[in-house]
């Protein structure tokens, strides 16, 4: 049985343009999406630009949080490491299918089904058929990005839905920002949040998840279920630059508090 996750109305986890009062960083667990949240979106994942101040900012925040900062992304951990080399924070990749608590620790991988090879071939065929389409392949899934081929969205969705419906494989089709993603059923950013909050130094802290896309809503929901907050980028911060500015103010305020006699 194939499952397609439909686009739902944006959930009001927090009032638009409002950031809740938060305790000191020592009591928080900060869980951050990457593309569209920390990084400005680009036509293709490989084309994103990392602001030069971002690695230092994340490192400062991670120190103030006592290590309770994690990047929770649909990208692979290897791709995130290539974007942010040397950054020593926890990372949940592939929507929680892979977890690495620190760079020197091994990657923990969930036991997931392999994507059928014929699906990869079909996706490559679709990518070749539509100029501007970009195929992102992952160990247990794939994403077709149509940001540069906007008119292809509905046809791609129909083709992928038909592909999954004919097989009965345990995968879901998920709409994302100008993209369609196939991933294993039962793995999402909510499962990543629960996995992180079950271990130190995240355990017992107030989780704050920040994301911009439909695929982030599971993480927002999980943070809320655990007593914390899910903050959507557009209504709360405007864009990724607004998120980075807020994180900078968080770090500066905490550093100023620590320096007071």
Protein backbone atom coordinates (compact mmCIF):
# COMPACT_ATOMS: atom_id res chain seq x y z
CA UNK A 1 0.00 0.00 0.00
CA UNK A 2 1.44 3.36 -1.04
CA UNK A 3 1.13 6.39 1.17
CA UNK A 4 1.26 9.92 -0.18
CA UNK A 5 1.66 12.57 2.49
CA UNK A 6 -0.61 15.40 1.44
CA UNK A 7 0.22 19.08 1.79
CA UNK A 8 -1.68 20.28 4.84
CA UNK A 9 -2.48 23.84 5.99
CA UNK A 10 0.41 25.36 7.89
CA UNK A 11 0.01 24.32 11.55
CA UNK A 12 -0.15 27.13 14.10
CA UNK A 13 2.42 25.77 16.52
CA UNK A 14 3.19 29.39 17.45
CA UNK A 15 1.56 32.68 16.61
CA UNK A 16 2.77 34.19 13.36
CA UNK A 17 5.73 36.53 13.75
CA UNK A 18 5.94 35.61 17.44
CA UNK A 19 8.85 33.98 19.24
CA UNK A 20 7.99 32.54 22.66
CA UNK A 21 9.85 33.57 25.80
CA UNK A 22 12.67 31.07 26.15
CA UNK A 23 14.76 30.08 29.16
CA UNK A 24 18.55 30.37 29.25
CA UNK A 25 20.43 28.33 26.67
CA UNK A 26 21.56 25.91 29.37
CA UNK A 27 17.96 24.63 29.52
CA UNK A 28 17.32 24.45 25.76
CA UNK A 29 17.83 21.86 23.04
CA UNK A 30 18.07 23.62 19.69
CA UNK A 31 17.14 21.53 16.62
CA UNK A 32 17.67 23.23 13.29
CA UNK A 33 16.79 22.34 9.71
CA UNK A 34 19.43 23.32 7.18
CA UNK A 35 18.14 24.27 3.69
CA UNK A 36 15.71 27.19 3.84
CA UNK A 37 16.29 27.58 7.58
CA UNK A 38 20.01 28.20 8.09
CA UNK A 39 20.88 28.38 4.40
CA UNK A 40 19.13 30.38 1.70
CA UNK A 41 17.45 28.11 -0.84
CA UNK A 42 19.17 27.56 -4.19
CA UNK A 43 17.99 26.05 -7.52
CA UNK A 44 19.75 22.78 -6.60
CA UNK A 45 21.11 21.46 -3.28
CA UNK A 46 24.70 21.57 -4.55
CA UNK A 47 24.38 25.30 -5.29
CA UNK A 48 23.65 26.54 -1.76
CA UNK A 49 26.06 29.04 -0.23
CA UNK A 50 27.18 28.82 3.40
CA UNK A 51 27.40 32.31 4.95
CA UNK A 52 30.98 32.72 6.22
CA UNK A 53 29.83 33.58 9.74
CA UNK A 54 27.52 30.56 10.11
CA UNK A 55 30.01 27.85 11.26
CA UNK A 56 31.40 30.08 14.00
CA UNK A 57 27.89 31.07 15.12
CA UNK A 58 26.77 27.44 15.35
CA UNK A 59 29.93 26.53 17.23
CA UNK A 60 29.37 29.32 19.76
CA UNK A 61 25.77 28.29 20.26
CA UNK A 62 26.69 24.63 20.64
CA UNK A 63 29.20 25.58 23.35
CA UNK A 64 26.62 27.69 25.20
CA UNK A 65 24.07 24.88 24.88
CA UNK A 66 26.48 22.35 26.32
CA UNK A 67 26.35 20.34 23.10
CA UNK A 68 22.53 20.35 22.82
CA UNK A 69 22.44 21.70 19.26
CA UNK A 70 21.65 19.46 16.31
CA UNK A 71 21.18 19.89 12.60
CA UNK A 72 18.16 17.87 11.43
CA UNK A 73 18.15 17.67 7.66
CA UNK A 74 16.95 15.63 4.73
CA UNK A 75 20.50 15.69 3.38
CA UNK A 76 22.90 12.85 4.08
CA UNK A 77 25.35 13.32 6.95
CA UNK A 78 28.18 13.14 4.43
CA UNK A 79 26.68 16.02 2.42
CA UNK A 80 26.20 18.11 5.57
CA UNK A 81 29.80 17.47 6.62
CA UNK A 82 31.02 18.60 3.19
CA UNK A 83 29.02 21.83 3.52
CA UNK A 84 30.17 22.52 7.08
CA UNK A 85 33.58 20.86 7.47
CA UNK A 86 34.97 20.89 10.99
CA UNK A 87 31.67 21.74 12.66
CA UNK A 88 31.40 19.57 15.77
CA UNK A 89 27.63 19.48 16.36
CA UNK A 90 25.18 16.58 16.39
CA UNK A 91 23.60 15.77 13.02
CA UNK A 92 20.49 13.81 12.06
CA UNK A 93 20.51 13.17 8.31
CA UNK A 94 18.06 11.70 5.81
CA UNK A 95 15.11 12.80 7.97
CA UNK A 96 16.41 10.83 10.94
CA UNK A 97 17.48 7.68 9.10
CA UNK A 98 21.07 8.44 10.11
CA UNK A 99 22.35 9.99 13.36
CA UNK A 100 25.82 11.12 14.41
CA UNK A 101 26.08 12.70 17.84
CA UNK A 102 29.62 14.04 17.29
CA UNK A 103 32.05 13.97 14.33
CA UNK A 104 34.36 11.48 16.05
CA UNK A 105 31.51 9.02 16.74
CA UNK A 106 30.20 6.49 14.21
CA UNK A 107 27.05 7.16 12.21
CA UNK A 108 24.07 5.24 13.57
CA UNK A 109 21.76 4.05 10.79
CA UNK A 110 18.20 2.80 11.15
CA UNK A 111 17.52 -0.61 9.57
CA UNK A 112 15.61 0.53 6.48
CA UNK A 113 14.55 -1.08 3.19
CA UNK A 114 16.61 -0.46 0.09
CA UNK A 115 15.03 1.64 -2.62
CA UNK A 116 14.24 -0.63 -5.61
CA UNK A 117 16.76 -0.15 -8.40
CA UNK A 118 14.02 0.18 -11.01
CA UNK A 119 12.70 3.23 -9.14
CA UNK A 120 16.09 4.89 -9.33
CA UNK A 121 16.20 4.18 -13.06
CA UNK A 122 12.69 5.62 -13.48
CA UNK A 123 13.67 8.76 -11.54
CA UNK A 124 16.79 9.20 -13.69
CA UNK A 125 14.59 8.93 -16.75
CA UNK A 126 12.25 11.61 -15.42
CA UNK A 127 15.21 13.88 -14.61
CA UNK A 128 16.46 13.50 -18.18
CA UNK A 129 13.01 14.21 -19.62
CA UNK A 130 12.53 17.60 -17.94
CA UNK A 131 15.15 20.34 -18.48
CA UNK A 132 16.07 21.96 -15.19
CA UNK A 133 15.00 18.99 -13.08
CA UNK A 134 17.54 17.86 -10.46
CA UNK A 135 17.68 14.34 -9.00
CA UNK A 136 19.11 13.97 -5.49
CA UNK A 137 19.81 10.33 -4.66
CA UNK A 138 20.05 9.08 -1.07
CA UNK A 139 20.93 5.67 0.41
CA UNK A 140 17.27 4.86 1.12
CA UNK A 141 15.38 7.32 -1.06
CA UNK A 142 15.52 10.08 -3.62
CA UNK A 143 14.29 13.62 -4.28
CA UNK A 144 13.28 15.22 -7.57
CA UNK A 145 13.74 19.00 -7.34
CA UNK A 146 11.74 21.03 -9.86
CA UNK A 147 12.58 24.57 -8.70
CA UNK A 148 14.03 25.22 -12.17
CA UNK A 149 11.28 23.24 -13.92
CA UNK A 150 8.18 24.54 -12.13
CA UNK A 151 5.67 23.26 -14.65
CA UNK A 152 6.86 19.70 -14.12
CA UNK A 153 5.57 19.43 -10.54
CA UNK A 154 2.10 17.88 -11.11
CA UNK A 155 3.31 15.44 -13.77
CA UNK A 156 6.19 14.31 -11.59
CA UNK A 157 3.90 13.74 -8.64
CA UNK A 158 1.55 11.65 -10.75
CA UNK A 159 4.40 9.59 -12.20
CA UNK A 160 5.98 8.89 -8.81
CA UNK A 161 2.66 8.08 -7.19
CA UNK A 162 1.98 5.56 -9.94
CA UNK A 163 5.43 4.06 -9.48
CA UNK A 164 4.87 3.45 -5.77
CA UNK A 165 1.27 2.29 -6.14
CA UNK A 166 2.29 -0.53 -8.47
CA UNK A 167 4.71 -2.11 -6.01
CA UNK A 168 3.44 -2.26 -2.43
CA UNK A 169 6.93 -1.36 -1.14
CA UNK A 170 7.12 0.31 2.33
CA UNK A 171 7.85 3.83 1.08
CA UNK A 172 5.98 7.14 1.08
CA UNK A 173 5.81 10.00 -1.39
CA UNK A 174 6.25 13.37 0.31
CA UNK A 175 5.71 16.85 -1.22
CA UNK A 176 8.41 19.34 -0.26
CA UNK A 177 9.33 22.88 -1.33
CA UNK A 178 9.42 22.58 -5.14
CA UNK A 179 10.29 18.90 -4.84
CA UNK A 180 8.93 15.38 -4.50
CA UNK A 181 10.65 12.94 -2.16
CA UNK A 182 10.42 9.16 -1.84
CA UNK A 183 11.53 7.87 1.56
CA UNK A 184 10.92 4.83 3.80
CA UNK A 185 7.71 4.81 5.77
CA UNK A 186 8.08 5.48 9.52
CA UNK A 187 11.18 7.71 9.34
CA UNK A 188 10.81 11.47 9.60
CA UNK A 189 12.20 14.46 11.45
CA UNK A 190 9.86 13.73 14.36
CA UNK A 191 11.57 10.38 14.94
CA UNK A 192 14.90 12.23 14.79
CA UNK A 193 13.77 14.67 17.48
CA UNK A 194 12.62 11.86 19.77
CA UNK A 195 15.90 9.99 19.25
CA UNK A 196 17.95 13.07 20.15
CA UNK A 197 15.84 14.02 23.17
CA UNK A 198 16.26 10.50 24.57
CA UNK A 199 20.02 10.95 25.04
CA UNK A 200 22.43 13.35 26.65
CA UNK A 201 22.92 16.28 26.49
CA UNK A 202 19.47 16.80 24.91
CA UNK A 203 17.49 14.79 27.48
CA UNK A 204 15.50 16.86 29.96
CA UNK A 205 15.80 20.09 27.98
CA UNK A 206 13.12 22.22 26.30
CA UNK A 207 13.26 21.37 22.56
CA UNK A 208 12.99 24.16 20.01
CA UNK A 209 12.74 22.98 16.41
CA UNK A 210 13.11 25.50 13.56
CA UNK A 211 12.19 24.55 9.99
CA UNK A 212 10.72 25.94 6.80
CA UNK A 213 9.15 23.08 4.88
CA UNK A 214 6.41 20.45 4.96
CA UNK A 215 9.07 17.85 5.79
CA UNK A 216 9.91 19.86 8.95
CA UNK A 217 6.41 19.73 10.37
CA UNK A 218 7.00 16.31 11.94
CA UNK A 219 9.96 17.77 13.82
CA UNK A 220 7.93 20.78 14.93
CA UNK A 221 5.14 18.52 16.12
CA UNK A 222 7.54 16.28 18.05
CA UNK A 223 9.14 19.29 19.77
CA UNK A 224 5.71 20.51 20.80
CA UNK A 225 4.68 17.06 22.06
CA UNK A 226 7.79 17.08 24.24
CA UNK A 227 6.79 20.41 25.81
CA UNK A 228 8.79 22.68 23.52
CA UNK A 229 8.19 24.75 20.40
CA UNK A 230 8.07 24.32 16.62
CA UNK A 231 8.95 27.55 14.81
CA UNK A 232 8.21 27.92 11.11
CA UNK A 233 10.65 30.19 9.29
CA UNK A 234 8.35 32.32 7.11
CA UNK A 235 5.83 33.56 9.70
CA UNK A 236 8.30 33.72 12.58
CA UNK A 237 11.59 34.97 11.08
CA UNK A 238 10.81 35.89 7.47
CA UNK A 239 13.65 33.94 5.89
CA UNK A 240 16.92 32.15 6.60
CA UNK A 241 18.72 35.45 7.18
CA UNK A 242 16.15 36.22 9.88
CA UNK A 243 16.86 32.85 11.53
CA UNK A 244 20.60 33.52 11.49
CA UNK A 245 20.03 36.97 12.99
CA UNK A 246 17.91 35.48 15.79
CA UNK A 247 20.54 32.84 16.53
CA UNK A 248 23.19 35.55 16.68
CA UNK A 249 21.12 37.50 19.19
CA UNK A 250 20.58 34.35 21.28
CA UNK A 251 24.30 33.69 21.42
CA UNK A 252 25.17 37.33 22.16
CA UNK A 253 22.58 37.62 24.93
CA UNK A 254 23.80 34.46 26.60
CA UNK A 255 27.45 35.50 26.31
CA UNK A 256 26.62 38.90 27.79
CA UNK A 257 24.78 37.22 30.68
CA UNK A 258 27.81 35.00 31.41
CA UNK A 259 30.17 37.96 31.43
CA UNK A 260 28.26 39.94 34.05
CA UNK A 261 29.88 40.00 37.52
